[in-house]
Amino acid sequence: ETIKSIVGFAPAALGSIACFAAFL
């Protein structure tokens, strides 16, 4: 259950960080 949760919100973290770089 822990792994399932992390796999769910890890891409969100990467997407938000990519936004930070794109709109720096």
PDB file of all heavy atoms in Angstrom:
ATOM      1  N   GLU A   1       0.835  -1.204   0.000  1.00  0.00           N
ATOM      2  CA  GLU A   1       0.000   0.000   0.000  1.00  0.00           C
ATOM      3  C   GLU A   1       0.871   1.255   0.000  1.00  0.00           C
ATOM      4  O   GLU A   1       0.526   2.258  -0.636  1.00  0.00           O
ATOM      5  CB  GLU A   1      -0.915   0.005   1.224  1.00  0.00           C
ATOM      6  CG  GLU A   1      -1.972  -1.090   1.227  1.00  0.00           C
ATOM      7  CD  GLU A   1      -3.073  -0.850   0.213  1.00  0.00           C
ATOM      8  OE1 GLU A   1      -3.039   0.171  -0.498  1.00  0.00           O
ATOM      9  OE2 GLU A   1      -3.982  -1.690   0.112  1.00  0.00           O
ATOM     10  N   THR A   2       1.984   1.212   0.688  1.00  0.00           N
ATOM     11  CA  THR A   2       2.900   2.344   0.711  1.00  0.00           C
ATOM     12  C   THR A   2       3.490   2.590  -0.670  1.00  0.00           C
ATOM     13  O   THR A   2       3.536   3.728  -1.155  1.00  0.00           O
ATOM     14  CB  THR A   2       4.028   2.101   1.725  1.00  0.00           C
ATOM     15  OG1 THR A   2       3.462   1.940   3.029  1.00  0.00           O
ATOM     16  CG2 THR A   2       5.019   3.258   1.730  1.00  0.00           C
ATOM     17  N   ILE A   3       3.945   1.510  -1.314  1.00  0.00           N
ATOM     18  CA  ILE A   3       4.515   1.636  -2.659  1.00  0.00           C
ATOM     19  C   ILE A   3       3.463   2.167  -3.624  1.00  0.00           C
ATOM     20  O   ILE A   3       3.744   3.039  -4.458  1.00  0.00           O
ATOM     21  CB  ILE A   3       5.061   0.277  -3.129  1.00  0.00           C
ATOM     22  CG1 ILE A   3       6.282  -0.102  -2.285  1.00  0.00           C
ATOM     23  CG2 ILE A   3       5.428   0.327  -4.609  1.00  0.00           C
ATOM     24  CD1 ILE A   3       6.776  -1.506  -2.526  1.00  0.00           C
ATOM     25  N   LYS A   4       2.237   1.665  -3.530  1.00  0.00           N
ATOM     26  CA  LYS A   4       1.168   2.119  -4.419  1.00  0.00           C
ATOM     27  C   LYS A   4       0.928   3.615  -4.266  1.00  0.00           C
ATOM     28  O   LYS A   4       0.765   4.335  -5.263  1.00  0.00           O
ATOM     29  CB  LYS A   4      -0.125   1.358  -4.116  1.00  0.00           C
ATOM     30  CG  LYS A   4      -1.292   1.761  -5.010  1.00  0.00           C
ATOM     31  CD  LYS A   4      -2.529   0.939  -4.716  1.00  0.00           C
ATOM     32  CE  LYS A   4      -3.184   1.329  -3.407  1.00  0.00           C
ATOM     33  NZ  LYS A   4      -4.490   0.671  -3.224  1.00  0.00           N
ATOM     34  N   SER A   5       0.915   4.079  -3.036  1.00  0.00           N
ATOM     35  CA  SER A   5       0.687   5.502  -2.788  1.00  0.00           C
ATOM     36  C   SER A   5       1.804   6.348  -3.381  1.00  0.00           C
ATOM     37  O   SER A   5       1.553   7.367  -4.030  1.00  0.00           O
ATOM     38  CB  SER A   5       0.579   5.762  -1.288  1.00  0.00           C
ATOM     39  OG  SER A   5      -0.482   5.031  -0.715  1.00  0.00           O
ATOM     40  N   ILE A   6       3.054   5.922  -3.168  1.00  0.00           N
ATOM     41  CA  ILE A   6       4.192   6.700  -3.644  1.00  0.00           C
ATOM     42  C   ILE A   6       4.224   6.752  -5.164  1.00  0.00           C
ATOM     43  O   ILE A   6       4.503   7.809  -5.755  1.00  0.00           O
ATOM     44  CB  ILE A   6       5.496   6.112  -3.083  1.00  0.00           C
ATOM     45  CG1 ILE A   6       5.548   6.339  -1.577  1.00  0.00           C
ATOM     46  CG2 ILE A   6       6.712   6.731  -3.756  1.00  0.00           C
ATOM     47  CD1 ILE A   6       6.670   5.620  -0.890  1.00  0.00           C
ATOM     48  N   VAL A   7       3.925   5.646  -5.810  1.00  0.00           N
ATOM     49  CA  VAL A   7       3.891   5.628  -7.269  1.00  0.00           C
ATOM     50  C   VAL A   7       2.812   6.589  -7.776  1.00  0.00           C
ATOM     51  O   VAL A   7       2.941   7.171  -8.851  1.00  0.00           O
ATOM     52  CB  VAL A   7       3.637   4.201  -7.791  1.00  0.00           C
ATOM     53  CG1 VAL A   7       3.334   4.202  -9.277  1.00  0.00           C
ATOM     54  CG2 VAL A   7       4.851   3.325  -7.508  1.00  0.00           C
ATOM     55  N   GLY A   8       1.770   6.797  -6.985  1.00  0.00           N
ATOM     56  CA  GLY A   8       0.723   7.723  -7.383  1.00  0.00           C
ATOM     57  C   GLY A   8       1.148   9.177  -7.299  1.00  0.00           C
ATOM     58  O   GLY A   8       0.869   9.959  -8.206  1.00  0.00           O
ATOM     59  N   PHE A   9       1.846   9.575  -6.207  1.00  0.00           N
ATOM     60  CA  PHE A   9       2.152  11.002  -6.098  1.00  0.00           C
ATOM     61  C   PHE A   9       3.563  11.377  -6.526  1.00  0.00           C
ATOM     62  O   PHE A   9       3.875  12.571  -6.630  1.00  0.00           O
ATOM     63  CB  PHE A   9       1.852  11.550  -4.689  1.00  0.00           C
ATOM     64  CG  PHE A   9       2.577  10.930  -3.536  1.00  0.00           C
ATOM     65  CD1 PHE A   9       3.908  11.200  -3.293  1.00  0.00           C
ATOM     66  CD2 PHE A   9       1.889  10.110  -2.647  1.00  0.00           C
ATOM     67  CE1 PHE A   9       4.557  10.667  -2.189  1.00  0.00           C
ATOM     68  CE2 PHE A   9       2.545   9.557  -1.544  1.00  0.00           C
ATOM     69  CZ  PHE A   9       3.875   9.833  -1.321  1.00  0.00           C
ATOM     70  N   ALA A  10       4.409  10.413  -6.827  1.00  0.00           N
ATOM     71  CA  ALA A  10       5.747  10.740  -7.333  1.00  0.00           C
ATOM     72  C   ALA A  10       5.695  11.463  -8.683  1.00  0.00           C
ATOM     73  O   ALA A  10       6.394  12.467  -8.871  1.00  0.00           O
ATOM     74  CB  ALA A  10       6.602   9.483  -7.426  1.00  0.00           C
ATOM     75  N   PRO A  11       4.877  11.008  -9.668  1.00  0.00           N
ATOM     76  CA  PRO A  11       4.801  11.747 -10.934  1.00  0.00           C
ATOM     77  C   PRO A  11       4.295  13.172 -10.757  1.00  0.00           C
ATOM     78  O   PRO A  11       4.706  14.075 -11.491  1.00  0.00           O
ATOM     79  CB  PRO A  11       3.815  10.911 -11.768  1.00  0.00           C
ATOM     80  CG  PRO A  11       3.910   9.542 -11.201  1.00  0.00           C
ATOM     81  CD  PRO A  11       4.109   9.752  -9.727  1.00  0.00           C
ATOM     82  N   ALA A  12       3.405  13.380  -9.785  1.00  0.00           N
ATOM     83  CA  ALA A  12       2.928  14.739  -9.520  1.00  0.00           C
ATOM     84  C   ALA A  12       4.077  15.626  -9.071  1.00  0.00           C
ATOM     85  O   ALA A  12       4.176  16.793  -9.460  1.00  0.00           O
ATOM     86  CB  ALA A  12       1.822  14.704  -8.465  1.00  0.00           C
ATOM     87  N   ALA A  13       4.938  15.071  -8.238  1.00  0.00           N
ATOM     88  CA  ALA A  13       6.099  15.836  -7.780  1.00  0.00           C
ATOM     89  C   ALA A  13       7.000  16.198  -8.954  1.00  0.00           C
ATOM     90  O   ALA A  13       7.446  17.343  -9.088  1.00  0.00           O
ATOM     91  CB  ALA A  13       6.871  15.023  -6.742  1.00  0.00           C
ATOM     92  N   LEU A  14       7.258  15.239  -9.835  1.00  0.00           N
ATOM     93  CA  LEU A  14       8.111  15.501 -10.996  1.00  0.00           C
ATOM     94  C   LEU A  14       7.476  16.532 -11.924  1.00  0.00           C
ATOM     95  O   LEU A  14       8.163  17.403 -12.471  1.00  0.00           O
ATOM     96  CB  LEU A  14       8.380  14.200 -11.743  1.00  0.00           C
ATOM     97  CG  LEU A  14       9.177  13.132 -10.982  1.00  0.00           C
ATOM     98  CD1 LEU A  14       9.292  11.862 -11.806  1.00  0.00           C
ATOM     99  CD2 LEU A  14      10.551  13.663 -10.599  1.00  0.00           C
ATOM    100  N   GLY A  15       6.154  16.441 -12.107  1.00  0.00           N
ATOM    101  CA  GLY A  15       5.455  17.398 -12.967  1.00  0.00           C
ATOM    102  C   GLY A  15       5.528  18.811 -12.418  1.00  0.00           C
ATOM    103  O   GLY A  15       5.740  19.772 -13.169  1.00  0.00           O
ATOM    104  N   SER A  16       5.354  18.955 -11.117  1.00  0.00           N
ATOM    105  CA  SER A  16       5.411  20.282 -10.500  1.00  0.00           C
ATOM    106  C   SER A  16       6.823  20.866 -10.589  1.00  0.00           C
ATOM    107  O   SER A  16       6.995  22.066 -10.839  1.00  0.00           O
ATOM    108  CB  SER A  16       4.968  20.201  -9.040  1.00  0.00           C
ATOM    109  OG  SER A  16       3.605  19.842  -8.948  1.00  0.00           O
ATOM    110  N   ILE A  17       7.820  20.028 -10.385  1.00  0.00           N
ATOM    111  CA  ILE A  17       9.205  20.502 -10.490  1.00  0.00           C
ATOM    112  C   ILE A  17       9.519  20.909 -11.932  1.00  0.00           C
ATOM    113  O   ILE A  17      10.219  21.903 -12.170  1.00  0.00           O
ATOM    114  CB  ILE A  17      10.175  19.418  -9.993  1.00  0.00           C
ATOM    115  CG1 ILE A  17       9.986  19.215  -8.475  1.00  0.00           C
ATOM    116  CG2 ILE A  17      11.620  19.787 -10.307  1.00  0.00           C
ATOM    117  CD1 ILE A  17      10.735  18.031  -7.909  1.00  0.00           C
ATOM    118  N   ALA A  18       8.991  20.150 -12.909  1.00  0.00           N
ATOM    119  CA  ALA A  18       9.173  20.513 -14.316  1.00  0.00           C
ATOM    120  C   ALA A  18       8.527  21.862 -14.610  1.00  0.00           C
ATOM    121  O   ALA A  18       9.065  22.673 -15.372  1.00  0.00           O
ATOM    122  CB  ALA A  18       8.576  19.431 -15.219  1.00  0.00           C
ATOM    123  N   CYS A  19       7.372  22.133 -13.999  1.00  0.00           N
ATOM    124  CA  CYS A  19       6.710  23.429 -14.156  1.00  0.00           C
ATOM    125  C   CYS A  19       7.576  24.551 -13.605  1.00  0.00           C
ATOM    126  O   CYS A  19       7.660  25.635 -14.187  1.00  0.00           O
ATOM    127  CB  CYS A  19       5.359  23.423 -13.427  1.00  0.00           C
ATOM    128  SG  CYS A  19       3.977  23.062 -14.505  1.00  0.00           S
ATOM    129  N   PHE A  20       8.191  24.283 -12.475  1.00  0.00           N
ATOM    130  CA  PHE A  20       9.066  25.289 -11.870  1.00  0.00           C
ATOM    131  C   PHE A  20      10.185  25.659 -12.842  1.00  0.00           C
ATOM    132  O   PHE A  20      10.510  26.840 -13.012  1.00  0.00           O
ATOM    133  CB  PHE A  20       9.655  24.748 -10.569  1.00  0.00           C
ATOM    134  CG  PHE A  20      10.458  25.750  -9.797  1.00  0.00           C
ATOM    135  CD1 PHE A  20       9.850  26.588  -8.890  1.00  0.00           C
ATOM    136  CD2 PHE A  20      11.839  25.849  -9.993  1.00  0.00           C
ATOM    137  CE1 PHE A  20      10.596  27.526  -8.173  1.00  0.00           C
ATOM    138  CE2 PHE A  20      12.587  26.778  -9.280  1.00  0.00           C
ATOM    139  CZ  PHE A  20      11.957  27.618  -8.368  1.00  0.00           C
ATOM    140  N   ALA A  21      10.766  24.655 -13.494  1.00  0.00           N
ATOM    141  CA  ALA A  21      11.837  24.915 -14.455  1.00  0.00           C
ATOM    142  C   ALA A  21      11.307  25.643 -15.691  1.00  0.00           C
ATOM    143  O   ALA A  21      11.942  26.583 -16.187  1.00  0.00           O
ATOM    144  CB  ALA A  21      12.497  23.596 -14.854  1.00  0.00           C
ATOM    145  N   ALA A  22      10.135  25.236 -16.177  1.00  0.00           N
ATOM    146  CA  ALA A  22       9.580  25.833 -17.389  1.00  0.00           C
ATOM    147  C   ALA A  22       9.201  27.297 -17.185  1.00  0.00           C
ATOM    148  O   ALA A  22       9.332  28.118 -18.094  1.00  0.00           O
ATOM    149  CB  ALA A  22       8.366  25.034 -17.853  1.00  0.00           C
ATOM    150  N   PHE A  23       8.722  27.628 -15.998  1.00  0.00           N
ATOM    151  CA  PHE A  23       8.257  28.990 -15.710  1.00  0.00           C
ATOM    152  C   PHE A  23       9.239  29.742 -14.809  1.00  0.00           C
ATOM    153  O   PHE A  23       8.844  30.679 -14.120  1.00  0.00           O
ATOM    154  CB  PHE A  23       6.882  28.940 -15.035  1.00  0.00           C
ATOM    155  CG  PHE A  23       5.761  28.574 -15.970  1.00  0.00           C
ATOM    156  CD1 PHE A  23       5.417  27.243 -16.163  1.00  0.00           C
ATOM    157  CD2 PHE A  23       5.059  29.552 -16.651  1.00  0.00           C
ATOM    158  CE1 PHE A  23       4.392  26.891 -17.017  1.00  0.00           C
ATOM    159  CE2 PHE A  23       4.029  29.208 -17.511  1.00  0.00           C
ATOM    160  CZ  PHE A  23       3.691  27.881 -17.700  1.00  0.00           C
ATOM    161  N   LEU A  24      10.504  29.350 -14.829  1.00  0.00           N
ATOM    162  CA  LEU A  24      11.476  29.981 -13.945  1.00  0.00           C
ATOM    163  C   LEU A  24      11.603  31.480 -14.225  1.00  0.00           C
ATOM    164  O   LEU A  24      11.651  32.294 -13.290  1.00  0.00           O
ATOM    165  CB  LEU A  24      12.839  29.299 -14.102  1.00  0.00           C
ATOM    166  CG  LEU A  24      13.926  29.744 -13.116  1.00  0.00           C
ATOM    167  CD1 LEU A  24      13.479  29.499 -11.682  1.00  0.00           C
ATOM    168  CD2 LEU A  24      15.235  29.006 -13.418  1.00  0.00           C
TER     169      LEU A  24
END
